[in-house]
């Protein structure tokens, strides 16, 4: 197997809290007080909602999705939640530097180099706050597709730490049967 290759299940859609708005010709994130479940398709207005979004909205009392029933695909928390420090190029959206706090892979003029990664606060390359934690949680919402998942992305350190801790706790108390537990992603 190729070393460093991340196992990623098929992604059916995205789970987001907020959206991108345009202010003064800049695309900026705007927070929301509910989840939105979208497909992998975009049109002029943004991401197209997944049919599960409407289904969950109808079943809630106020029309807002504040809780999503989910299942993990794997028993290992590290396969469900991947997190690293990432710095993206603001022009093309590609990663410039990706690290784990010990080592990083950075794109330089001479190619991709493996360097030490002291964390965003101590890295000279990351000055200006452009390097952030970047977490991706893959969950299964609907059991009709056995391998298809929805991805929840976050750059919040507290969100990543909380998700990692809870997945580890649930793995331990379930006797390493994390993928068998009916869980809820709550806002």
N, C-alpha and C. Protein backbone atom coordinates (compact mmCIF):
# COMPACT_ATOMS: atom_id res chain seq x y z
N UNK A 1 0.84 -1.18 0.00
CA UNK A 1 0.00 0.00 0.00
C UNK A 1 0.89 1.25 0.00
N UNK A 2 0.42 2.30 -0.57
CA UNK A 2 1.18 3.55 -0.64
C UNK A 2 1.20 4.19 0.74
N UNK A 3 2.39 4.54 1.24
CA UNK A 3 2.51 5.18 2.55
C UNK A 3 1.94 6.59 2.50
N UNK A 4 1.24 6.96 3.56
CA UNK A 4 0.68 8.30 3.66
C UNK A 4 -0.61 8.49 2.88
N UNK A 5 -1.13 7.43 2.28
CA UNK A 5 -2.38 7.53 1.53
C UNK A 5 -3.55 7.50 2.50
N UNK A 6 -4.37 8.52 2.47
CA UNK A 6 -5.52 8.60 3.37
C UNK A 6 -6.68 7.80 2.80
N UNK A 7 -7.28 6.99 3.66
CA UNK A 7 -8.46 6.23 3.26
C UNK A 7 -9.66 7.16 3.34
N UNK A 8 -10.30 7.37 2.22
CA UNK A 8 -11.49 8.24 2.20
C UNK A 8 -12.63 7.51 1.53
N UNK A 9 -13.72 7.32 2.24
CA UNK A 9 -14.87 6.65 1.65
C UNK A 9 -15.55 7.57 0.64
N UNK A 10 -16.42 7.02 -0.20
CA UNK A 10 -17.15 7.87 -1.16
C UNK A 10 -17.98 8.93 -0.44
N UNK A 11 -17.87 10.17 -0.90
CA UNK A 11 -18.57 11.28 -0.27
C UNK A 11 -19.82 11.61 -1.07
N UNK A 12 -20.98 11.50 -0.43
CA UNK A 12 -22.26 11.81 -1.07
C UNK A 12 -22.61 13.29 -0.95
N UNK A 13 -22.12 13.93 0.12
CA UNK A 13 -22.45 15.33 0.33
C UNK A 13 -21.69 15.92 1.49
N UNK A 14 -22.09 17.14 1.85
CA UNK A 14 -21.41 17.90 2.89
C UNK A 14 -22.39 18.27 3.99
N UNK A 15 -21.86 18.41 5.20
CA UNK A 15 -22.62 18.93 6.33
C UNK A 15 -21.95 20.25 6.69
N UNK A 16 -22.71 21.33 6.69
CA UNK A 16 -22.10 22.63 6.98
C UNK A 16 -22.92 23.38 8.02
N UNK A 17 -22.23 24.31 8.68
CA UNK A 17 -22.87 25.23 9.61
C UNK A 17 -22.53 26.61 9.09
N UNK A 18 -23.35 27.13 8.22
CA UNK A 18 -23.08 28.43 7.62
C UNK A 18 -22.95 28.33 6.12
N UNK A 19 -22.50 29.45 5.54
CA UNK A 19 -22.38 29.51 4.08
C UNK A 19 -21.38 30.60 3.72
N UNK A 20 -21.07 30.71 2.45
CA UNK A 20 -20.18 31.75 1.96
C UNK A 20 -21.04 32.88 1.39
N UNK A 21 -20.75 34.11 1.81
CA UNK A 21 -21.46 35.28 1.29
C UNK A 21 -20.43 36.21 0.64
N UNK A 22 -20.91 37.02 -0.28
CA UNK A 22 -20.03 37.98 -0.96
C UNK A 22 -20.30 39.37 -0.39
N UNK A 23 -19.25 39.97 0.20
CA UNK A 23 -19.32 41.33 0.74
C UNK A 23 -18.13 42.10 0.20
N UNK A 24 -18.39 43.23 -0.44
CA UNK A 24 -17.33 44.06 -1.02
C UNK A 24 -16.45 43.25 -1.97
N UNK A 25 -17.08 42.43 -2.80
CA UNK A 25 -16.39 41.57 -3.77
C UNK A 25 -15.45 40.55 -3.13
N UNK A 26 -15.67 40.23 -1.87
CA UNK A 26 -14.89 39.20 -1.18
C UNK A 26 -15.82 38.10 -0.73
N UNK A 27 -15.36 36.87 -0.88
CA UNK A 27 -16.12 35.71 -0.41
C UNK A 27 -15.75 35.46 1.04
N UNK A 28 -16.73 35.61 1.94
CA UNK A 28 -16.48 35.47 3.37
C UNK A 28 -17.43 34.44 3.98
N UNK A 29 -16.94 33.68 4.98
CA UNK A 29 -17.84 32.73 5.65
C UNK A 29 -18.80 33.44 6.58
N UNK A 30 -20.03 32.92 6.64
CA UNK A 30 -21.03 33.47 7.54
C UNK A 30 -21.61 32.31 8.36
N UNK A 31 -21.57 32.44 9.68
CA UNK A 31 -22.06 31.39 10.57
C UNK A 31 -23.57 31.31 10.54
N UNK A 32 -24.09 30.16 10.96
CA UNK A 32 -25.52 29.92 11.01
C UNK A 32 -25.84 29.20 12.31
N UNK A 33 -27.10 29.08 12.66
CA UNK A 33 -27.50 28.39 13.88
C UNK A 33 -28.12 27.03 13.59
N UNK A 34 -27.79 26.47 12.43
CA UNK A 34 -28.33 25.17 12.05
C UNK A 34 -27.40 24.49 11.05
N UNK A 35 -27.58 23.18 10.91
CA UNK A 35 -26.84 22.42 9.91
C UNK A 35 -27.53 22.56 8.56
N UNK A 36 -26.76 22.42 7.50
CA UNK A 36 -27.29 22.30 6.15
C UNK A 36 -26.60 21.09 5.53
N UNK A 37 -27.37 20.23 4.90
CA UNK A 37 -26.82 19.04 4.25
C UNK A 37 -26.93 19.26 2.75
N UNK A 38 -25.79 19.30 2.09
CA UNK A 38 -25.77 19.56 0.66
C UNK A 38 -25.22 18.37 -0.10
N UNK A 39 -25.49 18.37 -1.39
CA UNK A 39 -24.92 17.35 -2.27
C UNK A 39 -23.52 17.80 -2.67
N UNK A 40 -22.91 17.12 -3.58
CA UNK A 40 -21.59 17.49 -4.09
C UNK A 40 -21.71 18.36 -5.33
N UNK A 41 -22.91 18.85 -5.62
CA UNK A 41 -23.16 19.63 -6.83
C UNK A 41 -23.35 21.10 -6.47
N UNK A 42 -22.73 21.97 -7.28
CA UNK A 42 -22.88 23.41 -7.10
C UNK A 42 -23.55 24.01 -8.32
N UNK A 43 -24.32 25.07 -8.09
CA UNK A 43 -24.84 25.87 -9.19
C UNK A 43 -24.51 27.33 -8.90
N UNK A 44 -25.09 28.26 -9.63
CA UNK A 44 -24.78 29.69 -9.42
C UNK A 44 -25.08 30.17 -8.02
N UNK A 45 -26.10 29.59 -7.39
CA UNK A 45 -26.53 30.02 -6.06
C UNK A 45 -25.75 29.36 -4.93
N UNK A 46 -24.89 28.41 -5.25
CA UNK A 46 -24.11 27.71 -4.22
C UNK A 46 -24.36 26.21 -4.29
N UNK A 47 -24.13 25.54 -3.17
CA UNK A 47 -24.29 24.10 -3.10
C UNK A 47 -25.77 23.73 -3.16
N UNK A 48 -26.09 22.69 -3.89
CA UNK A 48 -27.46 22.19 -4.01
C UNK A 48 -27.75 21.30 -2.79
N UNK A 49 -28.87 21.56 -2.12
CA UNK A 49 -29.22 20.78 -0.94
C UNK A 49 -29.49 19.32 -1.31
N UNK A 50 -29.08 18.44 -0.41
CA UNK A 50 -29.30 17.01 -0.55
C UNK A 50 -30.75 16.72 -0.13
N UNK A 51 -31.40 15.71 -0.70
CA UNK A 51 -32.78 15.38 -0.28
C UNK A 51 -32.92 15.10 1.22
N UNK A 52 -31.86 14.62 1.88
CA UNK A 52 -31.92 14.38 3.32
C UNK A 52 -32.10 15.68 4.10
N UNK A 53 -31.63 16.80 3.55
CA UNK A 53 -31.79 18.08 4.22
C UNK A 53 -33.26 18.40 4.42
N UNK A 54 -34.05 18.29 3.37
CA UNK A 54 -35.48 18.56 3.46
C UNK A 54 -36.18 17.57 4.38
N UNK A 55 -35.76 16.31 4.31
CA UNK A 55 -36.37 15.26 5.13
C UNK A 55 -36.14 15.55 6.62
N UNK A 56 -34.92 15.94 7.00
CA UNK A 56 -34.62 16.24 8.40
C UNK A 56 -35.28 17.54 8.86
N UNK A 57 -35.42 18.51 7.96
CA UNK A 57 -36.10 19.77 8.30
C UNK A 57 -37.59 19.52 8.60
N UNK A 58 -38.21 18.65 7.81
CA UNK A 58 -39.63 18.34 8.03
C UNK A 58 -39.85 17.64 9.36
N UNK A 59 -38.89 16.82 9.77
CA UNK A 59 -39.05 16.07 11.02
C UNK A 59 -38.71 16.90 12.26
N UNK A 60 -38.11 18.09 12.09
CA UNK A 60 -37.81 18.93 13.25
C UNK A 60 -39.01 19.84 13.54
N UNK A 61 -39.11 20.30 14.78
CA UNK A 61 -40.27 21.10 15.19
C UNK A 61 -40.24 22.52 14.64
N UNK A 62 -39.04 23.09 14.44
CA UNK A 62 -38.95 24.48 13.99
C UNK A 62 -38.38 24.64 12.58
N UNK A 63 -38.20 23.54 11.87
CA UNK A 63 -37.68 23.62 10.50
C UNK A 63 -36.18 23.81 10.42
N UNK A 64 -35.50 23.76 11.56
CA UNK A 64 -34.04 23.89 11.57
C UNK A 64 -33.41 22.57 11.99
N UNK A 65 -32.30 22.24 11.32
CA UNK A 65 -31.59 21.00 11.66
C UNK A 65 -30.55 21.33 12.72
N UNK A 66 -30.82 20.89 13.93
CA UNK A 66 -29.87 21.13 15.03
C UNK A 66 -29.25 19.82 15.50
N UNK A 67 -29.75 18.70 14.99
CA UNK A 67 -29.23 17.39 15.36
C UNK A 67 -29.38 16.45 14.17
N UNK A 68 -28.34 15.69 13.88
CA UNK A 68 -28.35 14.76 12.76
C UNK A 68 -28.00 13.36 13.26
N UNK A 69 -28.87 12.37 13.04
CA UNK A 69 -28.52 10.99 13.42
C UNK A 69 -27.43 10.46 12.49
N UNK A 70 -26.32 10.01 13.08
CA UNK A 70 -25.19 9.55 12.27
C UNK A 70 -24.66 8.22 12.79
N UNK A 71 -23.90 7.57 11.94
CA UNK A 71 -23.12 6.39 12.30
C UNK A 71 -21.73 6.58 11.73
N UNK A 72 -20.75 6.04 12.45
CA UNK A 72 -19.38 6.06 11.96
C UNK A 72 -19.17 4.87 11.04
N UNK A 73 -18.31 5.04 10.07
CA UNK A 73 -18.04 3.97 9.13
C UNK A 73 -17.02 2.96 9.68
N UNK A 74 -16.10 3.45 10.52
CA UNK A 74 -15.01 2.62 11.02
C UNK A 74 -15.02 2.60 12.55
N UNK A 75 -14.44 1.57 13.13
CA UNK A 75 -14.29 1.49 14.58
C UNK A 75 -13.14 2.35 15.08
N UNK A 76 -12.16 2.63 14.23
CA UNK A 76 -11.01 3.45 14.58
C UNK A 76 -11.36 4.93 14.42
N UNK A 77 -11.32 5.73 15.50
CA UNK A 77 -11.66 7.15 15.40
C UNK A 77 -10.80 7.91 14.38
N UNK A 78 -9.54 7.52 14.22
CA UNK A 78 -8.65 8.21 13.29
C UNK A 78 -9.03 8.00 11.82
N UNK A 79 -9.79 6.96 11.53
CA UNK A 79 -10.26 6.76 10.16
C UNK A 79 -11.52 7.57 9.88
N UNK A 80 -12.28 7.89 10.92
CA UNK A 80 -13.49 8.69 10.78
C UNK A 80 -13.19 10.19 10.79
N UNK A 81 -12.22 10.59 11.62
CA UNK A 81 -11.87 12.01 11.78
C UNK A 81 -10.40 12.18 11.45
N UNK A 82 -10.14 12.93 10.38
CA UNK A 82 -8.76 13.25 10.01
C UNK A 82 -8.53 14.73 10.30
N UNK A 83 -7.42 15.03 10.93
CA UNK A 83 -7.13 16.42 11.26
C UNK A 83 -5.63 16.69 11.11
N UNK A 84 -5.32 17.88 10.61
CA UNK A 84 -3.93 18.32 10.49
C UNK A 84 -3.91 19.84 10.40
N UNK A 85 -2.73 20.39 10.50
CA UNK A 85 -2.57 21.83 10.27
C UNK A 85 -2.45 22.03 8.77
N UNK A 86 -3.15 23.02 8.23
CA UNK A 86 -3.11 23.27 6.79
C UNK A 86 -3.03 24.76 6.52
N UNK A 87 -2.23 25.09 5.51
CA UNK A 87 -2.13 26.46 5.02
C UNK A 87 -2.44 26.42 3.54
N UNK A 88 -3.45 27.16 3.11
CA UNK A 88 -3.90 27.13 1.73
C UNK A 88 -3.47 28.39 0.98
N UNK A 89 -3.25 28.24 -0.32
CA UNK A 89 -2.99 29.38 -1.20
C UNK A 89 -4.33 30.07 -1.41
N UNK A 90 -4.42 31.35 -1.09
CA UNK A 90 -5.68 32.09 -1.19
C UNK A 90 -6.13 32.29 -2.64
N UNK A 91 -5.23 32.16 -3.60
CA UNK A 91 -5.58 32.38 -5.01
C UNK A 91 -6.23 31.15 -5.64
N UNK A 92 -5.62 29.97 -5.42
CA UNK A 92 -6.14 28.79 -6.10
C UNK A 92 -6.77 27.75 -5.16
N UNK A 93 -6.70 27.97 -3.84
CA UNK A 93 -7.32 27.06 -2.89
C UNK A 93 -6.57 25.78 -2.64
N UNK A 94 -5.37 25.66 -3.17
CA UNK A 94 -4.58 24.44 -2.97
C UNK A 94 -3.74 24.55 -1.70
N UNK A 95 -3.49 23.41 -1.04
CA UNK A 95 -2.67 23.47 0.17
C UNK A 95 -1.20 23.78 -0.16
N UNK A 96 -0.61 24.69 0.63
CA UNK A 96 0.80 25.02 0.49
C UNK A 96 1.63 24.21 1.48
N UNK A 97 1.06 24.02 2.68
CA UNK A 97 1.78 23.33 3.74
C UNK A 97 0.76 22.54 4.57
N UNK A 98 1.07 21.27 4.83
CA UNK A 98 0.20 20.41 5.63
C UNK A 98 1.07 19.68 6.63
N UNK A 99 0.74 19.81 7.93
CA UNK A 99 1.56 19.18 8.96
C UNK A 99 0.75 18.65 10.11
N UNK A 100 1.43 17.89 10.98
CA UNK A 100 0.76 17.27 12.12
C UNK A 100 1.29 17.77 13.46
N UNK A 101 2.11 18.81 13.48
CA UNK A 101 2.70 19.30 14.71
C UNK A 101 4.10 18.78 14.94
N UNK A 102 4.52 17.79 14.15
CA UNK A 102 5.89 17.26 14.22
C UNK A 102 6.60 17.46 12.89
N UNK A 103 5.96 17.00 11.81
CA UNK A 103 6.53 17.19 10.47
C UNK A 103 5.46 17.77 9.56
N UNK A 104 5.92 18.39 8.47
CA UNK A 104 4.98 18.93 7.49
C UNK A 104 5.53 18.68 6.09
N UNK A 105 4.62 18.75 5.14
CA UNK A 105 5.00 18.69 3.72
C UNK A 105 4.63 20.04 3.13
N UNK A 106 5.67 20.75 2.68
CA UNK A 106 5.49 22.12 2.21
C UNK A 106 5.90 22.24 0.75
N UNK A 107 5.07 22.93 -0.02
CA UNK A 107 5.36 23.20 -1.42
C UNK A 107 6.32 24.39 -1.49
N UNK A 108 7.49 24.18 -2.09
CA UNK A 108 8.48 25.24 -2.24
C UNK A 108 8.85 25.37 -3.71
N UNK A 109 9.73 26.33 -4.02
CA UNK A 109 10.17 26.52 -5.40
C UNK A 109 10.90 25.29 -5.94
N UNK A 110 11.53 24.53 -5.06
CA UNK A 110 12.27 23.34 -5.50
C UNK A 110 11.45 22.06 -5.39
N UNK A 111 10.16 22.17 -5.12
CA UNK A 111 9.28 21.00 -5.03
C UNK A 111 8.69 20.86 -3.64
N UNK A 112 8.16 19.69 -3.33
CA UNK A 112 7.57 19.43 -2.03
C UNK A 112 8.65 18.92 -1.09
N UNK A 113 8.79 19.57 0.06
CA UNK A 113 9.81 19.20 1.04
C UNK A 113 9.16 18.78 2.34
N UNK A 114 9.80 17.85 3.05
CA UNK A 114 9.37 17.46 4.38
C UNK A 114 10.21 18.23 5.38
N UNK A 115 9.55 18.99 6.24
CA UNK A 115 10.21 19.86 7.22
C UNK A 115 9.62 19.63 8.59
N UNK A 116 10.19 20.26 9.60
CA UNK A 116 9.61 20.18 10.94
C UNK A 116 8.39 21.09 11.00
N UNK A 117 7.44 20.71 11.83
CA UNK A 117 6.18 21.47 11.98
C UNK A 117 6.01 21.80 13.46
N UNK A 118 6.38 23.01 13.86
CA UNK A 118 6.29 23.37 15.27
C UNK A 118 4.88 23.76 15.74
N UNK A 119 3.92 23.86 14.88
CA UNK A 119 2.53 24.30 15.08
C UNK A 119 2.39 25.71 14.53
N UNK A 120 1.18 26.14 14.21
CA UNK A 120 0.98 27.46 13.59
C UNK A 120 1.50 28.63 14.41
N UNK A 121 1.45 28.53 15.73
CA UNK A 121 1.89 29.64 16.57
C UNK A 121 3.39 29.85 16.55
N UNK A 122 4.17 28.80 16.32
CA UNK A 122 5.62 28.90 16.38
C UNK A 122 6.30 28.85 15.02
N UNK A 123 5.55 28.69 13.96
CA UNK A 123 6.12 28.54 12.61
C UNK A 123 6.32 29.90 11.96
N UNK A 124 7.53 30.15 11.47
CA UNK A 124 7.83 31.40 10.78
C UNK A 124 7.06 31.50 9.46
N UNK A 125 6.87 30.37 8.79
CA UNK A 125 6.17 30.35 7.50
C UNK A 125 4.68 30.69 7.65
N UNK A 126 4.13 30.40 8.83
CA UNK A 126 2.68 30.57 9.06
C UNK A 126 2.32 31.92 9.65
N UNK A 127 3.21 32.87 9.59
CA UNK A 127 2.89 34.21 10.13
C UNK A 127 1.65 34.77 9.43
N UNK A 128 0.85 35.47 10.17
CA UNK A 128 -0.36 36.07 9.59
C UNK A 128 -1.61 35.24 9.82
N UNK A 129 -1.51 34.11 10.50
CA UNK A 129 -2.69 33.33 10.84
C UNK A 129 -3.31 32.55 9.70
N UNK A 130 -2.55 32.28 8.63
CA UNK A 130 -3.13 31.55 7.50
C UNK A 130 -3.08 30.03 7.68
N UNK A 131 -2.29 29.55 8.63
CA UNK A 131 -2.22 28.11 8.92
C UNK A 131 -3.17 27.82 10.07
N UNK A 132 -4.07 26.86 9.85
CA UNK A 132 -5.09 26.54 10.84
C UNK A 132 -5.25 25.03 10.95
N UNK A 133 -5.82 24.58 12.08
CA UNK A 133 -6.20 23.17 12.13
C UNK A 133 -7.33 22.94 11.13
N UNK A 134 -7.31 21.80 10.48
CA UNK A 134 -8.32 21.49 9.48
C UNK A 134 -8.78 20.05 9.71
N UNK A 135 -10.02 19.88 10.14
CA UNK A 135 -10.54 18.56 10.43
C UNK A 135 -11.64 18.17 9.48
N UNK A 136 -11.69 16.86 9.17
CA UNK A 136 -12.72 16.32 8.30
C UNK A 136 -13.30 15.07 8.95
N UNK A 137 -14.59 15.14 9.28
CA UNK A 137 -15.29 14.01 9.89
C UNK A 137 -16.20 13.38 8.84
N UNK A 138 -16.01 12.09 8.59
CA UNK A 138 -16.87 11.36 7.67
C UNK A 138 -17.90 10.59 8.48
N UNK A 139 -19.19 10.82 8.18
CA UNK A 139 -20.27 10.14 8.88
C UNK A 139 -21.27 9.58 7.87
N UNK A 140 -21.99 8.59 8.30
CA UNK A 140 -23.06 8.01 7.49
C UNK A 140 -24.37 8.52 8.08
N UNK A 141 -25.20 9.15 7.26
CA UNK A 141 -26.49 9.66 7.73
C UNK A 141 -27.60 8.67 7.41
N UNK A 142 -27.66 8.23 6.21
CA UNK A 142 -28.72 7.33 5.77
C UNK A 142 -28.10 5.96 5.51
N UNK A 143 -28.68 4.93 6.07
CA UNK A 143 -28.10 3.60 5.92
C UNK A 143 -28.43 2.95 4.58
N UNK A 144 -29.11 3.66 3.68
CA UNK A 144 -29.44 3.07 2.39
C UNK A 144 -28.20 2.90 1.52
N UNK A 145 -27.19 3.73 1.73
CA UNK A 145 -25.91 3.58 1.02
C UNK A 145 -24.89 3.14 2.06
N UNK A 146 -24.49 1.88 2.01
CA UNK A 146 -23.63 1.29 3.04
C UNK A 146 -22.27 1.95 3.17
N UNK A 147 -21.70 2.46 2.08
CA UNK A 147 -20.37 3.04 2.13
C UNK A 147 -20.33 4.54 1.91
N UNK A 148 -21.43 5.14 1.47
CA UNK A 148 -21.45 6.57 1.20
C UNK A 148 -21.49 7.39 2.48
N UNK A 149 -20.72 8.46 2.51
CA UNK A 149 -20.66 9.30 3.70
C UNK A 149 -20.90 10.76 3.36
N UNK A 150 -21.13 11.52 4.41
CA UNK A 150 -21.21 12.97 4.33
C UNK A 150 -20.03 13.50 5.12
N UNK A 151 -19.46 14.59 4.67
CA UNK A 151 -18.27 15.11 5.30
C UNK A 151 -18.57 16.43 6.00
N UNK A 152 -18.13 16.51 7.25
CA UNK A 152 -18.25 17.74 8.04
C UNK A 152 -16.83 18.28 8.20
N UNK A 153 -16.60 19.47 7.65
CA UNK A 153 -15.28 20.10 7.72
C UNK A 153 -15.31 21.20 8.76
N UNK A 154 -14.20 21.33 9.52
CA UNK A 154 -14.10 22.38 10.52
C UNK A 154 -12.66 22.83 10.66
N UNK A 155 -12.48 24.11 10.96
CA UNK A 155 -11.16 24.65 11.27
C UNK A 155 -11.12 25.08 12.73
N UNK A 156 -12.12 24.72 13.49
CA UNK A 156 -12.17 25.07 14.91
C UNK A 156 -11.39 24.07 15.74
N UNK A 157 -10.40 24.57 16.47
CA UNK A 157 -9.57 23.71 17.31
C UNK A 157 -10.43 22.99 18.35
N UNK A 158 -11.35 23.72 18.98
CA UNK A 158 -12.20 23.11 20.01
C UNK A 158 -13.13 22.05 19.41
N UNK A 159 -13.62 22.29 18.20
CA UNK A 159 -14.48 21.30 17.54
C UNK A 159 -13.71 20.02 17.25
N UNK A 160 -12.50 20.18 16.73
CA UNK A 160 -11.68 19.00 16.41
C UNK A 160 -11.34 18.23 17.67
N UNK A 161 -10.92 18.95 18.71
CA UNK A 161 -10.54 18.31 19.98
C UNK A 161 -11.74 17.59 20.59
N UNK A 162 -12.91 18.23 20.58
CA UNK A 162 -14.11 17.63 21.15
C UNK A 162 -14.54 16.39 20.37
N UNK A 163 -14.54 16.48 19.04
CA UNK A 163 -14.92 15.32 18.23
C UNK A 163 -13.95 14.16 18.44
N UNK A 164 -12.65 14.44 18.46
CA UNK A 164 -11.64 13.39 18.65
C UNK A 164 -11.80 12.72 20.02
N UNK A 165 -12.02 13.53 21.06
CA UNK A 165 -12.18 12.98 22.40
C UNK A 165 -13.42 12.11 22.49
N UNK A 166 -14.54 12.61 21.98
CA UNK A 166 -15.78 11.83 22.07
C UNK A 166 -15.71 10.53 21.27
N UNK A 167 -15.11 10.58 20.09
CA UNK A 167 -14.98 9.35 19.31
C UNK A 167 -14.11 8.33 20.05
N UNK A 168 -13.05 8.80 20.69
CA UNK A 168 -12.19 7.89 21.46
C UNK A 168 -12.93 7.31 22.66
N UNK A 169 -13.70 8.15 23.36
CA UNK A 169 -14.49 7.67 24.50
C UNK A 169 -15.51 6.63 24.06
N UNK A 170 -16.24 6.94 22.98
CA UNK A 170 -17.26 6.01 22.51
C UNK A 170 -16.64 4.70 22.03
N UNK A 171 -15.46 4.78 21.43
CA UNK A 171 -14.77 3.56 21.02
C UNK A 171 -14.44 2.71 22.24
N UNK A 172 -13.95 3.36 23.30
CA UNK A 172 -13.56 2.63 24.51
C UNK A 172 -14.76 2.00 25.21
N UNK A 173 -15.84 2.77 25.41
CA UNK A 173 -16.99 2.23 26.14
C UNK A 173 -17.78 1.21 25.33
N UNK A 174 -17.64 1.24 24.01
CA UNK A 174 -18.38 0.28 23.19
C UNK A 174 -17.59 -1.01 22.97
N UNK A 175 -16.38 -1.08 23.52
CA UNK A 175 -15.56 -2.28 23.30
C UNK A 175 -15.06 -2.36 21.87
N UNK A 176 -14.66 -1.23 21.32
CA UNK A 176 -14.13 -1.12 19.95
C UNK A 176 -15.20 -1.43 18.89
N UNK A 177 -16.43 -1.04 19.19
CA UNK A 177 -17.53 -1.22 18.24
C UNK A 177 -18.14 0.13 17.88
N UNK A 178 -17.31 1.11 17.63
CA UNK A 178 -17.75 2.48 17.36
C UNK A 178 -18.70 2.55 16.17
N UNK A 179 -18.44 1.76 15.14
CA UNK A 179 -19.28 1.82 13.94
C UNK A 179 -20.68 1.24 14.16
N UNK A 180 -20.90 0.57 15.28
CA UNK A 180 -22.21 -0.02 15.57
C UNK A 180 -23.11 0.91 16.39
N UNK A 181 -22.56 2.01 16.88
CA UNK A 181 -23.34 2.90 17.75
C UNK A 181 -24.17 3.90 16.96
N UNK A 182 -25.45 4.05 17.31
CA UNK A 182 -26.23 5.14 16.71
C UNK A 182 -25.89 6.43 17.47
N UNK A 183 -25.30 7.40 16.77
CA UNK A 183 -24.85 8.65 17.39
C UNK A 183 -25.61 9.83 16.81
N UNK A 184 -25.40 11.00 17.38
CA UNK A 184 -26.02 12.22 16.86
C UNK A 184 -24.96 13.30 16.80
N UNK A 185 -24.95 14.01 15.69
CA UNK A 185 -24.11 15.20 15.53
C UNK A 185 -24.99 16.36 15.92
N UNK A 186 -24.64 17.04 17.03
CA UNK A 186 -25.50 18.11 17.56
C UNK A 186 -24.80 19.46 17.46
N UNK A 187 -25.61 20.46 17.25
CA UNK A 187 -25.10 21.83 17.19
C UNK A 187 -25.18 22.46 18.56
